[in-house]
PDB file of N, CA and C in Angstrom:
ATOM      1  N   MET A   1      48.812 -22.432   1.175  1.00  0.00           N
ATOM      2  CA  MET A   1      47.152 -21.588   1.955  1.00  0.00           C
ATOM      3  C   MET A   1      46.232 -20.100   1.559  1.00  0.00           C
ATOM      4  N   SER A   2      45.503 -20.179   1.375  1.00  0.00           N
ATOM      5  CA  SER A   2      44.772 -19.157   1.044  1.00  0.00           C
ATOM      6  C   SER A   2      44.662 -18.151   2.556  1.00  0.00           C
ATOM      7  N   VAL A   3      44.587 -17.032   2.312  1.00  0.00           N
ATOM      8  CA  VAL A   3      44.310 -16.359   3.495  1.00  0.00           C
ATOM      9  C   VAL A   3      42.873 -15.923   3.465  1.00  0.00           C
ATOM     10  N   PHE A   4      41.892 -16.298   2.590  1.00  0.00           N
ATOM     11  CA  PHE A   4      40.516 -15.099   2.070  1.00  0.00           C
ATOM     12  C   PHE A   4      39.687 -16.864   2.830  1.00  0.00           C
ATOM     13  N   THR A   5      38.626 -16.548   3.318  1.00  0.00           N
ATOM     14  CA  THR A   5      37.669 -17.729   3.539  1.00  0.00           C
ATOM     15  C   THR A   5      36.449 -17.792   2.977  1.00  0.00           C
ATOM     16  N   HIS A   6      35.756 -18.564   3.023  1.00  0.00           N
ATOM     17  CA  HIS A   6      34.491 -18.365   1.987  1.00  0.00           C
ATOM     18  C   HIS A   6      33.331 -17.152   3.088  1.00  0.00           C
ATOM     19  N   GLU A   7      33.740 -17.059   4.035  1.00  0.00           N
ATOM     20  CA  GLU A   7      33.007 -16.202   4.915  1.00  0.00           C
ATOM     21  C   GLU A   7      33.514 -14.753   4.253  1.00  0.00           C
ATOM     22  N   SER A   8      34.715 -14.574   4.077  1.00  0.00           N
ATOM     23  CA  SER A   8      35.035 -13.598   4.266  1.00  0.00           C
ATOM     24  C   SER A   8      35.320 -12.720   2.517  1.00  0.00           C
ATOM     25  N   MET A   9      34.954 -13.851   1.454  1.00  0.00           N
ATOM     26  CA  MET A   9      34.233 -13.606   0.720  1.00  0.00           C
ATOM     27  C   MET A   9      33.168 -12.551  -0.214  1.00  0.00           C
ATOM     28  N   ILE A  10      32.153 -13.183   1.174  1.00  0.00           N
ATOM     29  CA  ILE A  10      31.036 -12.875   0.972  1.00  0.00           C
ATOM     30  C   ILE A  10      30.571 -11.466   0.431  1.00  0.00           C
ATOM     31  N   ASN A  11      29.437 -10.689   0.213  1.00  0.00           N
ATOM     32  CA  ASN A  11      29.375  -9.378  -0.474  1.00  0.00           C
ATOM     33  C   ASN A  11      28.446  -9.191   0.767  1.00  0.00           C
ATOM     34  N   HIS A  12      29.193  -8.092   1.710  1.00  0.00           N
ATOM     35  CA  HIS A  12      28.020  -8.042   2.682  1.00  0.00           C
ATOM     36  C   HIS A  12      27.055  -6.798   2.837  1.00  0.00           C
ATOM     37  N   HIS A  13      26.942  -6.619   1.142  1.00  0.00           N
ATOM     38  CA  HIS A  13      26.381  -4.841   1.449  1.00  0.00           C
ATOM     39  C   HIS A  13      25.041  -4.833   1.090  1.00  0.00           C
ATOM     40  N   GLY A  14      24.332  -6.357   0.998  1.00  0.00           N
ATOM     41  CA  GLY A  14      22.971  -6.447   0.410  1.00  0.00           C
ATOM     42  C   GLY A  14      23.035  -6.721  -0.621  1.00  0.00           C
ATOM     43  N   PRO A  15      22.031  -6.946  -1.501  1.00  0.00           N
ATOM     44  CA  PRO A  15      22.230  -7.705  -1.979  1.00  0.00           C
ATOM     45  C   PRO A  15      22.341  -6.272  -3.913  1.00  0.00           C
ATOM     46  N   SER A  16      22.937  -7.171  -4.382  1.00  0.00           N
ATOM     47  CA  SER A  16      23.033  -6.541  -5.625  1.00  0.00           C
ATOM     48  C   SER A  16      21.799  -5.810  -6.499  1.00  0.00           C
ATOM     49  N   LEU A  17      22.181  -4.713  -7.460  1.00  0.00           N
ATOM     50  CA  LEU A  17      21.135  -4.330  -8.605  1.00  0.00           C
ATOM     51  C   LEU A  17      20.879  -4.982  -9.040  1.00  0.00           C
ATOM     52  N   PHE A  18      21.238  -6.011  -9.376  1.00  0.00           N
ATOM     53  CA  PHE A  18      20.845  -6.688 -10.186  1.00  0.00           C
ATOM     54  C   PHE A  18      19.632  -7.933  -9.687  1.00  0.00           C
ATOM     55  N   SER A  19      19.621  -8.303  -8.168  1.00  0.00           N
ATOM     56  CA  SER A  19      18.766  -8.801  -7.700  1.00  0.00           C
ATOM     57  C   SER A  19      18.081  -8.466  -7.508  1.00  0.00           C
ATOM     58  N   GLN A  20      18.162  -7.078  -6.786  1.00  0.00           N
ATOM     59  CA  GLN A  20      16.511  -6.254  -7.021  1.00  0.00           C
ATOM     60  C   GLN A  20      15.595  -5.799  -7.893  1.00  0.00           C
ATOM     61  N   LEU A  21      16.496  -5.704  -8.959  1.00  0.00           N
ATOM     62  CA  LEU A  21      15.571  -5.387 -10.498  1.00  0.00           C
ATOM     63  C   LEU A  21      14.762  -6.831 -10.658  1.00  0.00           C
ATOM     64  N   VAL A  22      15.345  -8.210 -10.187  1.00  0.00           N
ATOM     65  CA  VAL A  22      14.880  -9.222 -10.607  1.00  0.00           C
ATOM     66  C   VAL A  22      13.759  -9.122  -9.888  1.00  0.00           C
ATOM     67  N   GLU A  23      13.814  -8.656  -8.279  1.00  0.00           N
ATOM     68  CA  GLU A  23      13.046  -8.985  -7.506  1.00  0.00           C
ATOM     69  C   GLU A  23      11.767  -8.134  -7.710  1.00  0.00           C
ATOM     70  N   THR A  24      11.903  -6.662  -8.762  1.00  0.00           N
ATOM     71  CA  THR A  24      10.807  -5.511  -8.676  1.00  0.00           C
ATOM     72  C   THR A  24      10.487  -6.406 -10.014  1.00  0.00           C
ATOM     73  N   PHE A  25      10.823  -6.830 -10.655  1.00  0.00           N
ATOM     74  CA  PHE A  25      10.405  -7.725 -12.168  1.00  0.00           C
ATOM     75  C   PHE A  25       9.145  -8.277 -11.382  1.00  0.00           C
ATOM     76  N   ARG A  26       9.867  -9.624 -10.484  1.00  0.00           N
ATOM     77  CA  ARG A  26       8.728 -10.463 -10.448  1.00  0.00           C
ATOM     78  C   ARG A  26       7.390 -10.196  -9.267  1.00  0.00           C
ATOM     79  N   VAL A  27       7.999  -8.751  -8.664  1.00  0.00           N
ATOM     80  CA  VAL A  27       6.642  -8.437  -8.032  1.00  0.00           C
ATOM     81  C   VAL A  27       5.581  -8.366  -9.105  1.00  0.00           C
ATOM     82  N   TRP A  28       6.269  -7.073 -10.157  1.00  0.00           N
ATOM     83  CA  TRP A  28       5.183  -6.069 -11.040  1.00  0.00           C
ATOM     84  C   TRP A  28       4.378  -7.390 -11.961  1.00  0.00           C
ATOM     85  N   ARG A  29       5.184  -8.754 -11.986  1.00  0.00           N
ATOM     86  CA  ARG A  29       4.590  -9.805 -12.742  1.00  0.00           C
ATOM     87  C   ARG A  29       3.247 -10.356 -12.191  1.00  0.00           C
ATOM     88  N   ASP A  30       3.897 -10.681 -10.352  1.00  0.00           N
ATOM     89  CA  ASP A  30       2.793 -11.320  -9.891  1.00  0.00           C
ATOM     90  C   ASP A  30       1.628 -10.443  -9.320  1.00  0.00           C
ATOM     91  N   ARG A  31       2.000  -9.447  -8.928  1.00  0.00           N
ATOM     92  CA  ARG A  31       0.720  -7.897  -9.221  1.00  0.00           C
ATOM     93  C   ARG A  31      -0.270  -7.965 -10.667  1.00  0.00           C
ATOM     94  N   TYR A  32       0.493  -8.033 -11.341  1.00  0.00           N
ATOM     95  CA  TYR A  32      -0.887  -7.905 -12.817  1.00  0.00           C
ATOM     96  C   TYR A  32      -1.720  -9.359 -13.103  1.00  0.00           C
ATOM     97  N   ALA A  33      -0.742 -10.488 -12.441  1.00  0.00           N
ATOM     98  CA  ALA A  33      -1.454 -11.612 -12.903  1.00  0.00           C
ATOM     99  C   ALA A  33      -2.700 -12.165 -11.693  1.00  0.00           C
ATOM    100  N   MET A  34      -2.281 -11.496 -10.774  1.00  0.00           N
ATOM    101  CA  MET A  34      -3.540 -11.270  -9.480  1.00  0.00           C
ATOM    102  C   MET A  34      -4.579 -10.522  -9.782  1.00  0.00           C
ATOM    103  N   ARG A  35      -4.180  -9.325 -10.329  1.00  0.00           N
ATOM    104  CA  ARG A  35      -4.912  -8.258 -10.842  1.00  0.00           C
ATOM    105  C   ARG A  35      -6.203  -8.729 -11.819  1.00  0.00           C
ATOM    106  N   ARG A  36      -4.862  -9.596 -12.420  1.00  0.00           N
ATOM    107  CA  ARG A  36      -6.058  -9.598 -14.100  1.00  0.00           C
ATOM    108  C   ARG A  36      -6.985 -11.717 -13.774  1.00  0.00           C
ATOM    109  N   GLU A  37      -6.396 -11.982 -12.237  1.00  0.00           N
ATOM    110  CA  GLU A  37      -7.154 -13.109 -12.004  1.00  0.00           C
ATOM    111  C   GLU A  37      -8.683 -12.294 -11.416  1.00  0.00           C
ATOM    112  N   LEU A  38      -8.824 -11.835 -10.480  1.00  0.00           N
ATOM    113  CA  LEU A  38      -9.468 -11.201  -9.386  1.00  0.00           C
ATOM    114  C   LEU A  38     -10.350 -10.684 -10.729  1.00  0.00           C
ATOM    115  N   GLY A  39      -9.967 -10.131 -11.591  1.00  0.00           N
ATOM    116  CA  GLY A  39     -11.097  -9.445 -12.869  1.00  0.00           C
ATOM    117  C   GLY A  39     -11.994 -10.971 -13.110  1.00  0.00           C
ATOM    118  N   THR A  40     -11.234 -11.965 -13.103  1.00  0.00           N
ATOM    119  CA  THR A  40     -12.408 -13.010 -13.488  1.00  0.00           C
ATOM    120  C   THR A  40     -13.347 -13.727 -12.170  1.00  0.00           C
ATOM    121  N   TRP A  41     -13.420 -13.500 -11.401  1.00  0.00           N
ATOM    122  CA  TRP A  41     -14.114 -13.607 -10.120  1.00  0.00           C
ATOM    123  C   TRP A  41     -15.347 -13.163 -10.648  1.00  0.00           C
ATOM    124  N   SER A  42     -16.367 -13.922 -10.028  1.00  0.00           N
ATOM    125  CA  SER A  42     -17.391 -13.799 -10.203  1.00  0.00           C
ATOM    126  C   SER A  42     -17.861 -13.183  -8.468  1.00  0.00           C
ATOM    127  N   GLU A  43     -19.254 -12.373  -9.018  1.00  0.00           N
ATOM    128  CA  GLU A  43     -20.117 -11.357  -7.451  1.00  0.00           C
ATOM    129  C   GLU A  43     -19.485 -12.491  -6.708  1.00  0.00           C
ATOM    130  N   ARG A  44     -20.344 -13.628  -6.570  1.00  0.00           N
ATOM    131  CA  ARG A  44     -20.627 -14.395  -5.278  1.00  0.00           C
ATOM    132  C   ARG A  44     -18.916 -14.269  -4.952  1.00  0.00           C
ATOM    133  N   ASP A  45     -18.029 -14.693  -6.038  1.00  0.00           N
ATOM    134  CA  ASP A  45     -17.076 -14.541  -5.181  1.00  0.00           C
ATOM    135  C   ASP A  45     -16.480 -13.300  -4.210  1.00  0.00           C
ATOM    136  N   LEU A  46     -16.576 -12.425  -4.833  1.00  0.00           N
ATOM    137  CA  LEU A  46     -16.054 -10.827  -4.683  1.00  0.00           C
ATOM    138  C   LEU A  46     -16.517 -10.709  -3.391  1.00  0.00           C
ATOM    139  N   HIS A  47     -18.455 -11.629  -2.871  1.00  0.00           N
ATOM    140  CA  HIS A  47     -19.018 -10.922  -1.722  1.00  0.00           C
ATOM    141  C   HIS A  47     -18.479 -12.247  -0.477  1.00  0.00           C
ATOM    142  N   ASP A  48     -18.025 -13.095  -1.274  1.00  0.00           N
ATOM    143  CA  ASP A  48     -17.426 -13.923  -0.206  1.00  0.00           C
ATOM    144  C   ASP A  48     -16.079 -13.073   0.603  1.00  0.00           C
ATOM    145  N   ILE A  49     -15.303 -12.878  -0.038  1.00  0.00           N
ATOM    146  CA  ILE A  49     -14.543 -11.743   0.324  1.00  0.00           C
ATOM    147  C   ILE A  49     -14.545 -10.768   0.867  1.00  0.00           C
ATOM    148  N   GLY A  50     -15.342 -10.008   0.957  1.00  0.00           N
ATOM    149  CA  GLY A  50     -16.033  -8.793   1.084  1.00  0.00           C
ATOM    150  C   GLY A  50     -15.195  -8.006   0.155  1.00  0.00           C
ATOM    151  N   VAL A  51     -15.251  -7.675  -1.036  1.00  0.00           N
ATOM    152  CA  VAL A  51     -14.864  -6.358  -2.199  1.00  0.00           C
ATOM    153  C   VAL A  51     -15.916  -6.394  -3.161  1.00  0.00           C
ATOM    154  N   SER A  52     -15.643  -5.311  -2.877  1.00  0.00           N
ATOM    155  CA  SER A  52     -17.411  -4.869  -4.040  1.00  0.00           C
ATOM    156  C   SER A  52     -16.415  -4.719  -5.501  1.00  0.00           C
ATOM    157  N   ILE A  53     -17.757  -4.904  -6.865  1.00  0.00           N
ATOM    158  CA  ILE A  53     -16.536  -4.678  -7.890  1.00  0.00           C
ATOM    159  C   ILE A  53     -16.874  -3.373  -8.119  1.00  0.00           C
ATOM    160  N   ALA A  54     -16.949  -2.201  -7.570  1.00  0.00           N
ATOM    161  CA  ALA A  54     -16.258  -0.866  -7.379  1.00  0.00           C
ATOM    162  C   ALA A  54     -14.778  -1.098  -7.478  1.00  0.00           C
ATOM    163  N   ASP A  55     -14.077  -2.269  -6.336  1.00  0.00           N
ATOM    164  CA  ASP A  55     -12.888  -2.379  -5.802  1.00  0.00           C
ATOM    165  C   ASP A  55     -11.954  -2.857  -6.909  1.00  0.00           C
ATOM    166  N   VAL A  56     -12.993  -3.702  -7.658  1.00  0.00           N
ATOM    167  CA  VAL A  56     -12.038  -4.785  -8.936  1.00  0.00           C
ATOM    168  C   VAL A  56     -11.296  -3.902  -9.586  1.00  0.00           C
ATOM    169  N   ALA A  57     -12.979  -2.785 -10.186  1.00  0.00           N
ATOM    170  CA  ALA A  57     -12.165  -2.028 -10.710  1.00  0.00           C
ATOM    171  C   ALA A  57     -11.263  -1.326 -10.291  1.00  0.00           C
ATOM    172  N   TYR A  58     -11.653  -0.404  -9.781  1.00  0.00           N
ATOM    173  CA  TYR A  58     -10.307   0.337  -8.606  1.00  0.00           C
ATOM    174  C   TYR A  58      -8.888   0.138  -9.119  1.00  0.00           C
ATOM    175  N   GLU A  59      -8.488  -1.794  -8.676  1.00  0.00           N
ATOM    176  CA  GLU A  59      -7.362  -2.305  -8.893  1.00  0.00           C
ATOM    177  C   GLU A  59      -7.057  -2.740 -10.419  1.00  0.00           C
ATOM    178  N   LEU A  60      -7.742  -2.704 -11.173  1.00  0.00           N
ATOM    179  CA  LEU A  60      -7.938  -3.045 -12.146  1.00  0.00           C
ATOM    180  C   LEU A  60      -7.412  -1.317 -13.249  1.00  0.00           C
ATOM    181  N   ASP A  61      -7.794  -0.820 -12.621  1.00  0.00           N
ATOM    182  CA  ASP A  61      -7.444   0.252 -13.055  1.00  0.00           C
ATOM    183  C   ASP A  61      -6.058   0.910 -13.281  1.00  0.00           C
ATOM    184  N   LYS A  62      -5.494   0.080 -11.915  1.00  0.00           N
ATOM    185  CA  LYS A  62      -4.117   0.663 -11.633  1.00  0.00           C
ATOM    186  C   LYS A  62      -3.544   0.194 -12.437  1.00  0.00           C
ATOM    187  N   PRO A  63      -2.123   1.201 -13.229  1.00  0.00           N
ATOM    188  CA  PRO A  63      -1.106   0.027 -14.191  1.00  0.00           C
ATOM    189  C   PRO A  63      -0.293  -0.736 -12.850  1.00  0.00           C
ATOM    190  N   PHE A  64       0.828  -1.757 -13.228  1.00  0.00           N
ATOM    191  CA  PHE A  64       1.127  -3.027 -12.343  1.00  0.00           C
ATOM    192  C   PHE A  64       2.313  -2.692 -11.538  1.00  0.00           C
ATOM    193  N   TRP A  65       3.205  -1.329 -11.855  1.00  0.00           N
ATOM    194  CA  TRP A  65       3.854  -1.213 -10.711  1.00  0.00           C
ATOM    195  C   TRP A  65       3.277  -0.155  -9.818  1.00  0.00           C
ATOM    196  N   ARG A  66       2.083   0.001  -9.855  1.00  0.00           N
ATOM    197  CA  ARG A  66       1.454   0.894  -8.375  1.00  0.00           C
ATOM    198  C   ARG A  66       1.183  -0.111  -7.441  1.00  0.00           C
ATOM    199  N   ALA A  67       0.972  -0.068  -6.267  1.00  0.00           N
ATOM    200  CA  ALA A  67       0.699  -1.298  -4.775  1.00  0.00           C
ATOM    201  C   ALA A  67      -0.838  -1.002  -4.495  1.00  0.00           C
TER     202      ALA A  67
END
């Protein structure tokens, strides 16, 4: 019989470096996609959500790694 249980073998030190990198790349990809989609919205759509053309231009000029 093994002295190791499933619970004792779990890494309790938080997410691994690899999982952190994967999550960072996912956030960057989603941010890039959302900004590109925002750039396709009409003035009426932007007005409905209270965003100006200048706000959109500012967001589109940001690199994907900046929040």
